[in-house]
Amino acid sequence: MAAFTPRERDAFMTHWGSILRDASGVERTIELDGTVVGNVLLFTFEGRREVGYWVGREFWGRGIATRALAALLDEVSERPIYAGVAETNVASIRVLEKCGFRVAEANAEEHPGEVLMLLA
């Protein structure tokens, strides 16, 4: 979703572990017919509450990310919530828009190539 270079496995596992240890985070597994297809989460980043999600490529285009994010947003009442997304990731921007997010600002200085979206 966001514009960043993928981490090596060890770096990813360290990062993921820090997310899971954060008591304020909300992490959910996305399942489709009993198969794990991704995850959706709410976490703190740079002082903001942000959402993120990942769905395996073979499951793209089925509305899974939209449904999973909508379910998380129904579960969590806090607002505002942000999402950082690569400006070239049209599909992810559309998922966020379907869930009520709007562009808050271009994030060019801090995160080149990324747009910050907001659900107020």
PDB file of N, CA and C in Angstrom:
ATOM      1  N   MET A   1       0.833  -1.182   0.000  1.00  0.00           N
ATOM      2  CA  MET A   1       0.000   0.000   0.000  1.00  0.00           C
ATOM      3  C   MET A   1       0.878   1.245   0.000  1.00  0.00           C
ATOM      4  N   ALA A   2       1.816   1.335   0.940  1.00  0.00           N
ATOM      5  CA  ALA A   2       2.658   2.524   1.031  1.00  0.00           C
ATOM      6  C   ALA A   2       3.860   2.407   0.101  1.00  0.00           C
ATOM      7  N   ALA A   3       4.504   3.528  -0.116  1.00  0.00           N
ATOM      8  CA  ALA A   3       5.664   3.570  -1.000  1.00  0.00           C
ATOM      9  C   ALA A   3       6.932   3.315  -0.186  1.00  0.00           C
ATOM     10  N   PHE A   4       7.316   2.072  -0.063  1.00  0.00           N
ATOM     11  CA  PHE A   4       8.542   1.749   0.643  1.00  0.00           C
ATOM     12  C   PHE A   4       9.179   0.520   0.018  1.00  0.00           C
ATOM     13  N   THR A   5      10.459   0.380   0.246  1.00  0.00           N
ATOM     14  CA  THR A   5      11.185  -0.781  -0.251  1.00  0.00           C
ATOM     15  C   THR A   5      10.875  -1.959   0.657  1.00  0.00           C
ATOM     16  N   PRO A   6      10.520  -3.112   0.095  1.00  0.00           N
ATOM     17  CA  PRO A   6      10.233  -4.281   0.940  1.00  0.00           C
ATOM     18  C   PRO A   6      11.435  -4.629   1.825  1.00  0.00           C
ATOM     19  N   ARG A   7      11.133  -5.058   3.031  1.00  0.00           N
ATOM     20  CA  ARG A   7      12.178  -5.441   3.975  1.00  0.00           C
ATOM     21  C   ARG A   7      12.614  -6.884   3.721  1.00  0.00           C
ATOM     22  N   GLU A   8      13.865  -7.179   4.076  1.00  0.00           N
ATOM     23  CA  GLU A   8      14.315  -8.566   4.118  1.00  0.00           C
ATOM     24  C   GLU A   8      13.527  -9.265   5.218  1.00  0.00           C
ATOM     25  N   ARG A   9      13.461 -10.592   5.179  1.00  0.00           N
ATOM     26  CA  ARG A   9      12.631 -11.353   6.112  1.00  0.00           C
ATOM     27  C   ARG A   9      12.934 -11.024   7.573  1.00  0.00           C
ATOM     28  N   ASP A  10      14.203 -11.026   7.979  1.00  0.00           N
ATOM     29  CA  ASP A  10      14.537 -10.759   9.380  1.00  0.00           C
ATOM     30  C   ASP A  10      14.086  -9.364   9.804  1.00  0.00           C
ATOM     31  N   ALA A  11      14.314  -8.376   8.947  1.00  0.00           N
ATOM     32  CA  ALA A  11      13.885  -7.005   9.259  1.00  0.00           C
ATOM     33  C   ALA A  11      12.365  -6.924   9.333  1.00  0.00           C
ATOM     34  N   PHE A  12      11.683  -7.634   8.426  1.00  0.00           N
ATOM     35  CA  PHE A  12      10.227  -7.654   8.465  1.00  0.00           C
ATOM     36  C   PHE A  12       9.736  -8.268   9.770  1.00  0.00           C
ATOM     37  N   MET A  13      10.318  -9.397  10.173  1.00  0.00           N
ATOM     38  CA  MET A  13       9.865 -10.073  11.390  1.00  0.00           C
ATOM     39  C   MET A  13      10.102  -9.195  12.630  1.00  0.00           C
ATOM     40  N   THR A  14      11.201  -8.448  12.656  1.00  0.00           N
ATOM     41  CA  THR A  14      11.457  -7.517  13.755  1.00  0.00           C
ATOM     42  C   THR A  14      10.374  -6.434  13.782  1.00  0.00           C
ATOM     43  N   HIS A  15      10.092  -5.860  12.607  1.00  0.00           N
ATOM     44  CA  HIS A  15       9.057  -4.825  12.493  1.00  0.00           C
ATOM     45  C   HIS A  15       7.684  -5.388  12.889  1.00  0.00           C
ATOM     46  N   TRP A  16       7.338  -6.535  12.366  1.00  0.00           N
ATOM     47  CA  TRP A  16       6.036  -7.159  12.652  1.00  0.00           C
ATOM     48  C   TRP A  16       5.916  -7.455  14.142  1.00  0.00           C
ATOM     49  N   GLY A  17       6.997  -7.919  14.756  1.00  0.00           N
ATOM     50  CA  GLY A  17       6.985  -8.184  16.192  1.00  0.00           C
ATOM     51  C   GLY A  17       6.689  -6.935  17.002  1.00  0.00           C
ATOM     52  N   SER A  18       7.258  -5.801  16.588  1.00  0.00           N
ATOM     53  CA  SER A  18       6.994  -4.551  17.305  1.00  0.00           C
ATOM     54  C   SER A  18       5.539  -4.133  17.160  1.00  0.00           C
ATOM     55  N   ILE A  19       4.962  -4.381  16.015  1.00  0.00           N
ATOM     56  CA  ILE A  19       3.539  -4.080  15.817  1.00  0.00           C
ATOM     57  C   ILE A  19       2.681  -4.956  16.732  1.00  0.00           C
ATOM     58  N   LEU A  20       2.993  -6.237  16.779  1.00  0.00           N
ATOM     59  CA  LEU A  20       2.194  -7.159  17.596  1.00  0.00           C
ATOM     60  C   LEU A  20       2.350  -6.900  19.095  1.00  0.00           C
ATOM     61  N   ARG A  21       3.493  -6.373  19.530  1.00  0.00           N
ATOM     62  CA  ARG A  21       3.700  -6.062  20.953  1.00  0.00           C
ATOM     63  C   ARG A  21       3.020  -4.771  21.390  1.00  0.00           C
ATOM     64  N   ASP A  22       2.630  -3.940  20.459  1.00  0.00           N
ATOM     65  CA  ASP A  22       1.990  -2.660  20.786  1.00  0.00           C
ATOM     66  C   ASP A  22       0.546  -2.919  21.220  1.00  0.00           C
ATOM     67  N   ALA A  23       0.285  -2.707  22.501  1.00  0.00           N
ATOM     68  CA  ALA A  23      -1.043  -2.991  23.053  1.00  0.00           C
ATOM     69  C   ALA A  23      -2.138  -2.130  22.433  1.00  0.00           C
ATOM     70  N   SER A  24      -1.779  -0.993  21.835  1.00  0.00           N
ATOM     71  CA  SER A  24      -2.795  -0.122  21.234  1.00  0.00           C
ATOM     72  C   SER A  24      -3.134  -0.543  19.804  1.00  0.00           C
ATOM     73  N   GLY A  25      -2.408  -1.495  19.273  1.00  0.00           N
ATOM     74  CA  GLY A  25      -2.652  -1.939  17.903  1.00  0.00           C
ATOM     75  C   GLY A  25      -3.825  -2.900  17.815  1.00  0.00           C
ATOM     76  N   VAL A  26      -4.385  -2.982  16.628  1.00  0.00           N
ATOM     77  CA  VAL A  26      -5.452  -3.931  16.333  1.00  0.00           C
ATOM     78  C   VAL A  26      -5.028  -4.656  15.064  1.00  0.00           C
ATOM     79  N   GLU A  27      -4.855  -5.971  15.166  1.00  0.00           N
ATOM     80  CA  GLU A  27      -4.418  -6.759  14.022  1.00  0.00           C
ATOM     81  C   GLU A  27      -5.439  -7.867  13.765  1.00  0.00           C
ATOM     82  N   ARG A  28      -5.797  -8.036  12.512  1.00  0.00           N
ATOM     83  CA  ARG A  28      -6.760  -9.068  12.148  1.00  0.00           C
ATOM     84  C   ARG A  28      -6.249  -9.850  10.939  1.00  0.00           C
ATOM     85  N   THR A  29      -6.469 -11.141  10.961  1.00  0.00           N
ATOM     86  CA  THR A  29      -6.157 -12.003   9.825  1.00  0.00           C
ATOM     87  C   THR A  29      -7.336 -11.974   8.875  1.00  0.00           C
ATOM     88  N   ILE A  30      -7.049 -11.919   7.589  1.00  0.00           N
ATOM     89  CA  ILE A  30      -8.101 -11.975   6.571  1.00  0.00           C
ATOM     90  C   ILE A  30      -8.162 -13.414   6.050  1.00  0.00           C
ATOM     91  N   GLU A  31      -9.344 -14.009   6.159  1.00  0.00           N
ATOM     92  CA  GLU A  31      -9.555 -15.367   5.669  1.00  0.00           C
ATOM     93  C   GLU A  31     -10.607 -15.364   4.572  1.00  0.00           C
ATOM     94  N   LEU A  32     -10.433 -16.273   3.634  1.00  0.00           N
ATOM     95  CA  LEU A  32     -11.409 -16.492   2.576  1.00  0.00           C
ATOM     96  C   LEU A  32     -11.629 -17.986   2.471  1.00  0.00           C
ATOM     97  N   ASP A  33     -12.828 -18.424   2.785  1.00  0.00           N
ATOM     98  CA  ASP A  33     -13.159 -19.848   2.744  1.00  0.00           C
ATOM     99  C   ASP A  33     -12.152 -20.694   3.511  1.00  0.00           C
ATOM    100  N   GLY A  34     -11.739 -20.206   4.698  1.00  0.00           N
ATOM    101  CA  GLY A  34     -10.834 -20.948   5.552  1.00  0.00           C
ATOM    102  C   GLY A  34      -9.359 -20.826   5.203  1.00  0.00           C
ATOM    103  N   THR A  35      -9.035 -20.057   4.169  1.00  0.00           N
ATOM    104  CA  THR A  35      -7.643 -19.841   3.766  1.00  0.00           C
ATOM    105  C   THR A  35      -7.205 -18.451   4.170  1.00  0.00           C
ATOM    106  N   VAL A  36      -6.034 -18.355   4.803  1.00  0.00           N
ATOM    107  CA  VAL A  36      -5.481 -17.049   5.152  1.00  0.00           C
ATOM    108  C   VAL A  36      -5.018 -16.376   3.864  1.00  0.00           C
ATOM    109  N   VAL A  37      -5.557 -15.168   3.615  1.00  0.00           N
ATOM    110  CA  VAL A  37      -5.209 -14.443   2.385  1.00  0.00           C
ATOM    111  C   VAL A  37      -4.540 -13.110   2.653  1.00  0.00           C
ATOM    112  N   GLY A  38      -4.463 -12.681   3.948  1.00  0.00           N
ATOM    113  CA  GLY A  38      -3.830 -11.408   4.234  1.00  0.00           C
ATOM    114  C   GLY A  38      -4.075 -10.954   5.652  1.00  0.00           C
ATOM    115  N   ASN A  39      -3.844  -9.649   5.872  1.00  0.00           N
ATOM    116  CA  ASN A  39      -4.075  -9.064   7.181  1.00  0.00           C
ATOM    117  C   ASN A  39      -4.496  -7.609   7.030  1.00  0.00           C
ATOM    118  N   VAL A  40      -5.104  -7.101   8.078  1.00  0.00           N
ATOM    119  CA  VAL A  40      -5.500  -5.695   8.162  1.00  0.00           C
ATOM    120  C   VAL A  40      -5.199  -5.247   9.590  1.00  0.00           C
ATOM    121  N   LEU A  41      -4.701  -4.028   9.745  1.00  0.00           N
ATOM    122  CA  LEU A  41      -4.315  -3.605  11.075  1.00  0.00           C
ATOM    123  C   LEU A  41      -4.434  -2.113  11.269  1.00  0.00           C
ATOM    124  N   LEU A  42      -4.489  -1.732  12.536  1.00  0.00           N
ATOM    125  CA  LEU A  42      -4.472  -0.339  12.980  1.00  0.00           C
ATOM    126  C   LEU A  42      -3.271  -0.214  13.906  1.00  0.00           C
ATOM    127  N   PHE A  43      -2.424   0.788  13.663  1.00  0.00           N
ATOM    128  CA  PHE A  43      -1.189   0.932  14.423  1.00  0.00           C
ATOM    129  C   PHE A  43      -0.838   2.408  14.527  1.00  0.00           C
ATOM    130  N   THR A  44       0.146   2.711  15.362  1.00  0.00           N
ATOM    131  CA  THR A  44       0.613   4.081  15.518  1.00  0.00           C
ATOM    132  C   THR A  44       1.887   4.261  14.710  1.00  0.00           C
ATOM    133  N   PHE A  45       1.918   5.312  13.884  1.00  0.00           N
ATOM    134  CA  PHE A  45       3.082   5.614  13.058  1.00  0.00           C
ATOM    135  C   PHE A  45       3.271   7.123  13.032  1.00  0.00           C
ATOM    136  N   GLU A  46       4.458   7.556  13.428  1.00  0.00           N
ATOM    137  CA  GLU A  46       4.781   8.984  13.454  1.00  0.00           C
ATOM    138  C   GLU A  46       3.719   9.802  14.197  1.00  0.00           C
ATOM    139  N   GLY A  47       3.216   9.228  15.296  1.00  0.00           N
ATOM    140  CA  GLY A  47       2.246   9.928  16.138  1.00  0.00           C
ATOM    141  C   GLY A  47       0.808   9.876  15.654  1.00  0.00           C
ATOM    142  N   ARG A  48       0.573   9.215  14.529  1.00  0.00           N
ATOM    143  CA  ARG A  48      -0.793   9.114  13.984  1.00  0.00           C
ATOM    144  C   ARG A  48      -1.269   7.665  14.080  1.00  0.00           C
ATOM    145  N   ARG A  49      -2.583   7.496  14.193  1.00  0.00           N
ATOM    146  CA  ARG A  49      -3.175   6.154  14.090  1.00  0.00           C
ATOM    147  C   ARG A  49      -3.392   5.893  12.603  1.00  0.00           C
ATOM    148  N   GLU A  50      -2.829   4.803  12.114  1.00  0.00           N
ATOM    149  CA  GLU A  50      -2.908   4.469  10.694  1.00  0.00           C
ATOM    150  C   GLU A  50      -3.408   3.048  10.500  1.00  0.00           C
ATOM    151  N   VAL A  51      -4.013   2.833   9.348  1.00  0.00           N
ATOM    152  CA  VAL A  51      -4.400   1.487   8.946  1.00  0.00           C
ATOM    153  C   VAL A  51      -3.429   0.997   7.887  1.00  0.00           C
ATOM    154  N   GLY A  52      -3.338  -0.297   7.817  1.00  0.00           N
ATOM    155  CA  GLY A  52      -2.568  -0.941   6.769  1.00  0.00           C
ATOM    156  C   GLY A  52      -3.228  -2.265   6.454  1.00  0.00           C
ATOM    157  N   TYR A  53      -2.942  -2.784   5.290  1.00  0.00           N
ATOM    158  CA  TYR A  53      -3.475  -4.092   4.929  1.00  0.00           C
ATOM    159  C   TYR A  53      -2.586  -4.696   3.857  1.00  0.00           C
ATOM    160  N   TRP A  54      -2.662  -6.004   3.789  1.00  0.00           N
ATOM    161  CA  TRP A  54      -1.936  -6.756   2.769  1.00  0.00           C
ATOM    162  C   TRP A  54      -2.801  -7.934   2.382  1.00  0.00           C
ATOM    163  N   VAL A  55      -2.953  -8.145   1.083  1.00  0.00           N
ATOM    164  CA  VAL A  55      -3.688  -9.288   0.543  1.00  0.00           C
ATOM    165  C   VAL A  55      -2.793  -9.927  -0.502  1.00  0.00           C
ATOM    166  N   GLY A  56      -2.676 -11.251  -0.456  1.00  0.00           N
ATOM    167  CA  GLY A  56      -1.867 -11.974  -1.433  1.00  0.00           C
ATOM    168  C   GLY A  56      -2.302 -11.654  -2.860  1.00  0.00           C
ATOM    169  N   ARG A  57      -1.336 -11.491  -3.738  1.00  0.00           N
ATOM    170  CA  ARG A  57      -1.592 -11.089  -5.121  1.00  0.00           C
ATOM    171  C   ARG A  57      -2.638 -11.965  -5.821  1.00  0.00           C
ATOM    172  N   GLU A  58      -2.617 -13.255  -5.536  1.00  0.00           N
ATOM    173  CA  GLU A  58      -3.575 -14.149  -6.200  1.00  0.00           C
ATOM    174  C   GLU A  58      -5.022 -13.897  -5.800  1.00  0.00           C
ATOM    175  N   PHE A  59      -5.237 -13.061  -4.782  1.00  0.00           N
ATOM    176  CA  PHE A  59      -6.591 -12.747  -4.317  1.00  0.00           C
ATOM    177  C   PHE A  59      -7.015 -11.316  -4.656  1.00  0.00           C
ATOM    178  N   TRP A  60      -6.179 -10.588  -5.363  1.00  0.00           N
ATOM    179  CA  TRP A  60      -6.502  -9.214  -5.738  1.00  0.00           C
ATOM    180  C   TRP A  60      -7.725  -9.168  -6.655  1.00  0.00           C
ATOM    181  N   GLY A  61      -8.441  -8.036  -6.612  1.00  0.00           N
ATOM    182  CA  GLY A  61      -9.544  -7.800  -7.531  1.00  0.00           C
ATOM    183  C   GLY A  61     -10.858  -8.441  -7.129  1.00  0.00           C
ATOM    184  N   ARG A  62     -10.942  -8.955  -5.916  1.00  0.00           N
ATOM    185  CA  ARG A  62     -12.164  -9.611  -5.449  1.00  0.00           C
ATOM    186  C   ARG A  62     -12.895  -8.823  -4.362  1.00  0.00           C
ATOM    187  N   GLY A  63     -12.401  -7.632  -4.037  1.00  0.00           N
ATOM    188  CA  GLY A  63     -13.029  -6.823  -2.999  1.00  0.00           C
ATOM    189  C   GLY A  63     -12.675  -7.247  -1.591  1.00  0.00           C
ATOM    190  N   ILE A  64     -11.690  -8.121  -1.444  1.00  0.00           N
ATOM    191  CA  ILE A  64     -11.321  -8.648  -0.131  1.00  0.00           C
ATOM    192  C   ILE A  64     -10.754  -7.544   0.760  1.00  0.00           C
ATOM    193  N   ALA A  65      -9.839  -6.745   0.238  1.00  0.00           N
ATOM    194  CA  ALA A  65      -9.230  -5.672   1.036  1.00  0.00           C
ATOM    195  C   ALA A  65     -10.290  -4.671   1.477  1.00  0.00           C
ATOM    196  N   THR A  66     -11.200  -4.321   0.588  1.00  0.00           N
ATOM    197  CA  THR A  66     -12.256  -3.359   0.924  1.00  0.00           C
ATOM    198  C   THR A  66     -13.129  -3.902   2.048  1.00  0.00           C
ATOM    199  N   ARG A  67     -13.541  -5.153   1.940  1.00  0.00           N
ATOM    200  CA  ARG A  67     -14.397  -5.741   2.980  1.00  0.00           C
ATOM    201  C   ARG A  67     -13.659  -5.858   4.311  1.00  0.00           C
ATOM    202  N   ALA A  68     -12.396  -6.248   4.266  1.00  0.00           N
ATOM    203  CA  ALA A  68     -11.621  -6.405   5.500  1.00  0.00           C
ATOM    204  C   ALA A  68     -11.396  -5.058   6.183  1.00  0.00           C
ATOM    205  N   LEU A  69     -11.035  -4.046   5.399  1.00  0.00           N
ATOM    206  CA  LEU A  69     -10.825  -2.722   5.976  1.00  0.00           C
ATOM    207  C   LEU A  69     -12.135  -2.166   6.525  1.00  0.00           C
ATOM    208  N   ALA A  70     -13.223  -2.328   5.811  1.00  0.00           N
ATOM    209  CA  ALA A  70     -14.524  -1.849   6.288  1.00  0.00           C
ATOM    210  C   ALA A  70     -14.893  -2.526   7.607  1.00  0.00           C
ATOM    211  N   ALA A  71     -14.621  -3.821   7.725  1.00  0.00           N
ATOM    212  CA  ALA A  71     -14.922  -4.538   8.970  1.00  0.00           C
ATOM    213  C   ALA A  71     -14.076  -4.010  10.122  1.00  0.00           C
ATOM    214  N   LEU A  72     -12.794  -3.740   9.874  1.00  0.00           N
ATOM    215  CA  LEU A  72     -11.933  -3.179  10.916  1.00  0.00           C
ATOM    216  C   LEU A  72     -12.432  -1.807  11.348  1.00  0.00           C
ATOM    217  N   LEU A  73     -12.813  -0.984  10.383  1.00  0.00           N
ATOM    218  CA  LEU A  73     -13.299   0.362  10.701  1.00  0.00           C
ATOM    219  C   LEU A  73     -14.626   0.330  11.450  1.00  0.00           C
ATOM    220  N   ASP A  74     -15.449  -0.683  11.200  1.00  0.00           N
ATOM    221  CA  ASP A  74     -16.688  -0.854  11.970  1.00  0.00           C
ATOM    222  C   ASP A  74     -16.379  -1.240  13.415  1.00  0.00           C
ATOM    223  N   GLU A  75     -15.326  -2.001  13.585  1.00  0.00           N
ATOM    224  CA  GLU A  75     -14.928  -2.488  14.908  1.00  0.00           C
ATOM    225  C   GLU A  75     -14.295  -1.382  15.761  1.00  0.00           C
ATOM    226  N   VAL A  76     -13.561  -0.483  15.120  1.00  0.00           N
ATOM    227  CA  VAL A  76     -12.798   0.546  15.814  1.00  0.00           C
ATOM    228  C   VAL A  76     -13.492   1.884  15.625  1.00  0.00           C
ATOM    229  N   SER A  77     -13.879   2.527  16.722  1.00  0.00           N
ATOM    230  CA  SER A  77     -14.634   3.775  16.609  1.00  0.00           C
ATOM    231  C   SER A  77     -13.754   5.023  16.609  1.00  0.00           C
ATOM    232  N   GLU A  78     -12.482   4.875  16.993  1.00  0.00           N
ATOM    233  CA  GLU A  78     -11.643   6.085  17.076  1.00  0.00           C
ATOM    234  C   GLU A  78     -11.448   6.724  15.707  1.00  0.00           C
ATOM    235  N   ARG A  79     -11.375   8.019  15.722  1.00  0.00           N
ATOM    236  CA  ARG A  79     -11.091   8.815  14.536  1.00  0.00           C
ATOM    237  C   ARG A  79     -10.296  10.013  15.001  1.00  0.00           C
ATOM    238  N   PRO A  80      -9.459  10.607  14.265  1.00  0.00           N
ATOM    239  CA  PRO A  80      -9.179  10.316  12.863  1.00  0.00           C
ATOM    240  C   PRO A  80      -8.246   9.112  12.715  1.00  0.00           C
ATOM    241  N   ILE A  81      -8.306   8.512  11.545  1.00  0.00           N
ATOM    242  CA  ILE A  81      -7.410   7.427  11.158  1.00  0.00           C
ATOM    243  C   ILE A  81      -6.816   7.799   9.817  1.00  0.00           C
ATOM    244  N   TYR A  82      -5.538   7.536   9.675  1.00  0.00           N
ATOM    245  CA  TYR A  82      -4.813   7.871   8.452  1.00  0.00           C
ATOM    246  C   TYR A  82      -4.367   6.607   7.728  1.00  0.00           C
ATOM    247  N   ALA A  83      -3.969   6.800   6.489  1.00  0.00           N
ATOM    248  CA  ALA A  83      -3.358   5.728   5.696  1.00  0.00           C
ATOM    249  C   ALA A  83      -2.357   6.367   4.745  1.00  0.00           C
ATOM    250  N   GLY A  84      -1.153   5.850   4.744  1.00  0.00           N
ATOM    251  CA  GLY A  84      -0.152   6.289   3.778  1.00  0.00           C
ATOM    252  C   GLY A  84      -0.179   5.326   2.607  1.00  0.00           C
ATOM    253  N   VAL A  85      -0.287   5.861   1.404  1.00  0.00           N
ATOM    254  CA  VAL A  85      -0.410   4.995   0.229  1.00  0.00           C
ATOM    255  C   VAL A  85       0.441   5.570  -0.904  1.00  0.00           C
ATOM    256  N   ALA A  86       1.053   4.672  -1.659  1.00  0.00           N
ATOM    257  CA  ALA A  86       1.834   5.111  -2.811  1.00  0.00           C
ATOM    258  C   ALA A  86       0.902   5.798  -3.802  1.00  0.00           C
ATOM    259  N   GLU A  87       1.323   6.961  -4.292  1.00  0.00           N
ATOM    260  CA  GLU A  87       0.453   7.710  -5.218  1.00  0.00           C
ATOM    261  C   GLU A  87       0.186   6.940  -6.505  1.00  0.00           C
ATOM    262  N   THR A  88       1.005   5.948  -6.814  1.00  0.00           N
ATOM    263  CA  THR A  88       0.801   5.135  -8.018  1.00  0.00           C
ATOM    264  C   THR A  88      -0.068   3.905  -7.761  1.00  0.00           C
ATOM    265  N   ASN A  89      -0.416   3.648  -6.500  1.00  0.00           N
ATOM    266  CA  ASN A  89      -1.206   2.464  -6.166  1.00  0.00           C
ATOM    267  C   ASN A  89      -2.692   2.805  -6.246  1.00  0.00           C
ATOM    268  N   VAL A  90      -3.171   2.893  -7.464  1.00  0.00           N
ATOM    269  CA  VAL A  90      -4.551   3.302  -7.731  1.00  0.00           C
ATOM    270  C   VAL A  90      -5.555   2.356  -7.070  1.00  0.00           C
ATOM    271  N   ALA A  91      -5.284   1.064  -7.085  1.00  0.00           N
ATOM    272  CA  ALA A  91      -6.213   0.097  -6.504  1.00  0.00           C
ATOM    273  C   ALA A  91      -6.345   0.307  -4.993  1.00  0.00           C
ATOM    274  N   SER A  92      -5.233   0.551  -4.317  1.00  0.00           N
ATOM    275  CA  SER A  92      -5.286   0.758  -2.880  1.00  0.00           C
ATOM    276  C   SER A  92      -5.952   2.088  -2.532  1.00  0.00           C
ATOM    277  N   ILE A  93      -5.696   3.102  -3.322  1.00  0.00           N
ATOM    278  CA  ILE A  93      -6.377   4.383  -3.111  1.00  0.00           C
ATOM    279  C   ILE A  93      -7.882   4.184  -3.239  1.00  0.00           C
ATOM    280  N   ARG A  94      -8.300   3.388  -4.197  1.00  0.00           N
ATOM    281  CA  ARG A  94      -9.731   3.121  -4.396  1.00  0.00           C
ATOM    282  C   ARG A  94     -10.318   2.365  -3.201  1.00  0.00           C
ATOM    283  N   VAL A  95      -9.580   1.390  -2.657  1.00  0.00           N
ATOM    284  CA  VAL A  95     -10.035   0.679  -1.456  1.00  0.00           C
ATOM    285  C   VAL A  95     -10.280   1.680  -0.328  1.00  0.00           C
ATOM    286  N   LEU A  96      -9.318   2.557  -0.110  1.00  0.00           N
ATOM    287  CA  LEU A  96      -9.443   3.551   0.956  1.00  0.00           C
ATOM    288  C   LEU A  96     -10.616   4.494   0.714  1.00  0.00           C
ATOM    289  N   GLU A  97     -10.788   4.951  -0.518  1.00  0.00           N
ATOM    290  CA  GLU A  97     -11.912   5.837  -0.840  1.00  0.00           C
ATOM    291  C   GLU A  97     -13.244   5.143  -0.599  1.00  0.00           C
ATOM    292  N   LYS A  98     -13.358   3.876  -0.976  1.00  0.00           N
ATOM    293  CA  LYS A  98     -14.597   3.132  -0.753  1.00  0.00           C
ATOM    294  C   LYS A  98     -14.930   3.031   0.732  1.00  0.00           C
ATOM    295  N   CYS A  99     -13.894   3.092   1.569  1.00  0.00           N
ATOM    296  CA  CYS A  99     -14.078   3.009   3.019  1.00  0.00           C
ATOM    297  C   CYS A  99     -14.168   4.385   3.668  1.00  0.00           C
ATOM    298  N   GLY A 100     -14.258   5.443   2.865  1.00  0.00           N
ATOM    299  CA  GLY A 100     -14.495   6.783   3.390  1.00  0.00           C
ATOM    300  C   GLY A 100     -13.274   7.672   3.546  1.00  0.00           C
ATOM    301  N   PHE A 101     -12.083   7.191   3.198  1.00  0.00           N
ATOM    302  CA  PHE A 101     -10.877   8.013   3.299  1.00  0.00           C
ATOM    303  C   PHE A 101     -10.842   9.029   2.166  1.00  0.00           C
ATOM    304  N   ARG A 102     -10.248  10.181   2.467  1.00  0.00           N
ATOM    305  CA  ARG A 102     -10.035  11.235   1.480  1.00  0.00           C
ATOM    306  C   ARG A 102      -8.592  11.692   1.575  1.00  0.00           C
ATOM    307  N   VAL A 103      -8.052  12.238   0.498  1.00  0.00           N
ATOM    308  CA  VAL A 103      -6.677  12.710   0.508  1.00  0.00           C
ATOM    309  C   VAL A 103      -6.536  13.842   1.511  1.00  0.00           C
ATOM    310  N   ALA A 104      -5.586  13.693   2.424  1.00  0.00           N
ATOM    311  CA  ALA A 104      -5.305  14.737   3.412  1.00  0.00           C
ATOM    312  C   ALA A 104      -4.193  15.632   2.902  1.00  0.00           C
ATOM    313  N   GLU A 105      -3.162  15.017   2.320  1.00  0.00           N
ATOM    314  CA  GLU A 105      -2.039  15.798   1.792  1.00  0.00           C
ATOM    315  C   GLU A 105      -1.096  14.894   1.021  1.00  0.00           C
ATOM    316  N   ALA A 106      -0.381  15.496   0.098  1.00  0.00           N
ATOM    317  CA  ALA A 106       0.729  14.806  -0.538  1.00  0.00           C
ATOM    318  C   ALA A 106       1.836  14.766   0.498  1.00  0.00           C
ATOM    319  N   ASN A 107       2.533  13.695   0.571  1.00  0.00           N
ATOM    320  CA  ASN A 107       3.522  13.477   1.616  1.00  0.00           C
ATOM    321  C   ASN A 107       4.935  13.563   1.046  1.00  0.00           C
ATOM    322  N   ALA A 108       5.137  14.422   0.059  1.00  0.00           N
ATOM    323  CA  ALA A 108       6.362  14.442  -0.733  1.00  0.00           C
ATOM    324  C   ALA A 108       7.630  14.675   0.075  1.00  0.00           C
ATOM    325  N   GLU A 109       7.603  15.545   1.063  1.00  0.00           N
ATOM    326  CA  GLU A 109       8.832  15.852   1.800  1.00  0.00           C
ATOM    327  C   GLU A 109       9.253  14.699   2.702  1.00  0.00           C
ATOM    328  N   GLU A 110       8.337  14.198   3.518  1.00  0.00           N
ATOM    329  CA  GLU A 110       8.657  13.114   4.438  1.00  0.00           C
ATOM    330  C   GLU A 110       8.753  11.770   3.740  1.00  0.00           C
ATOM    331  N   HIS A 111       7.829  11.511   2.843  1.00  0.00           N
ATOM    332  CA  HIS A 111       7.731  10.218   2.176  1.00  0.00           C
ATOM    333  C   HIS A 111       7.438  10.441   0.689  1.00  0.00           C
ATOM    334  N   PRO A 112       8.462  10.641  -0.109  1.00  0.00           N
ATOM    335  CA  PRO A 112       8.253  10.894  -1.534  1.00  0.00           C
ATOM    336  C   PRO A 112       7.448   9.783  -2.202  1.00  0.00           C
ATOM    337  N   GLY A 113       6.526  10.188  -3.068  1.00  0.00           N
ATOM    338  CA  GLY A 113       5.712   9.220  -3.797  1.00  0.00           C
ATOM    339  C   GLY A 113       4.537   8.686  -3.014  1.00  0.00           C
ATOM    340  N   GLU A 114       4.284   9.247  -1.840  1.00  0.00           N
ATOM    341  CA  GLU A 114       3.209   8.764  -0.995  1.00  0.00           C
ATOM    342  C   GLU A 114       2.172   9.855  -0.761  1.00  0.00           C
ATOM    343  N   VAL A 115       0.935   9.435  -0.637  1.00  0.00           N
ATOM    344  CA  VAL A 115      -0.170  10.326  -0.318  1.00  0.00           C
ATOM    345  C   VAL A 115      -0.686   9.916   1.072  1.00  0.00           C
ATOM    346  N   LEU A 116      -0.982  10.893   1.903  1.00  0.00           N
ATOM    347  CA  LEU A 116      -1.562  10.631   3.208  1.00  0.00           C
ATOM    348  C   LEU A 116      -3.066  10.805   3.090  1.00  0.00           C
ATOM    349  N   MET A 117      -3.809   9.757   3.441  1.00  0.00           N
ATOM    350  CA  MET A 117      -5.270   9.815   3.366  1.00  0.00           C
ATOM    351  C   MET A 117      -5.835   9.808   4.778  1.00  0.00           C
ATOM    352  N   LEU A 118      -7.056  10.342   4.918  1.00  0.00           N
ATOM    353  CA  LEU A 118      -7.651  10.565   6.228  1.00  0.00           C
ATOM    354  C   LEU A 118      -9.101  10.114   6.236  1.00  0.00           C
ATOM    355  N   LEU A 119      -9.454   9.448   7.346  1.00  0.00           N
ATOM    356  CA  LEU A 119     -10.853   9.160   7.660  1.00  0.00           C
ATOM    357  C   LEU A 119     -11.145   9.915   8.940  1.00  0.00           C
ATOM    358  N   ALA A 120     -11.953  10.982   8.833  1.00  0.00           N
ATOM    359  CA  ALA A 120     -12.221  11.853   9.992  1.00  0.00           C
ATOM    360  C   ALA A 120     -13.374  11.327  10.834  1.00  0.00           C
TER     361      ALA A 120
END
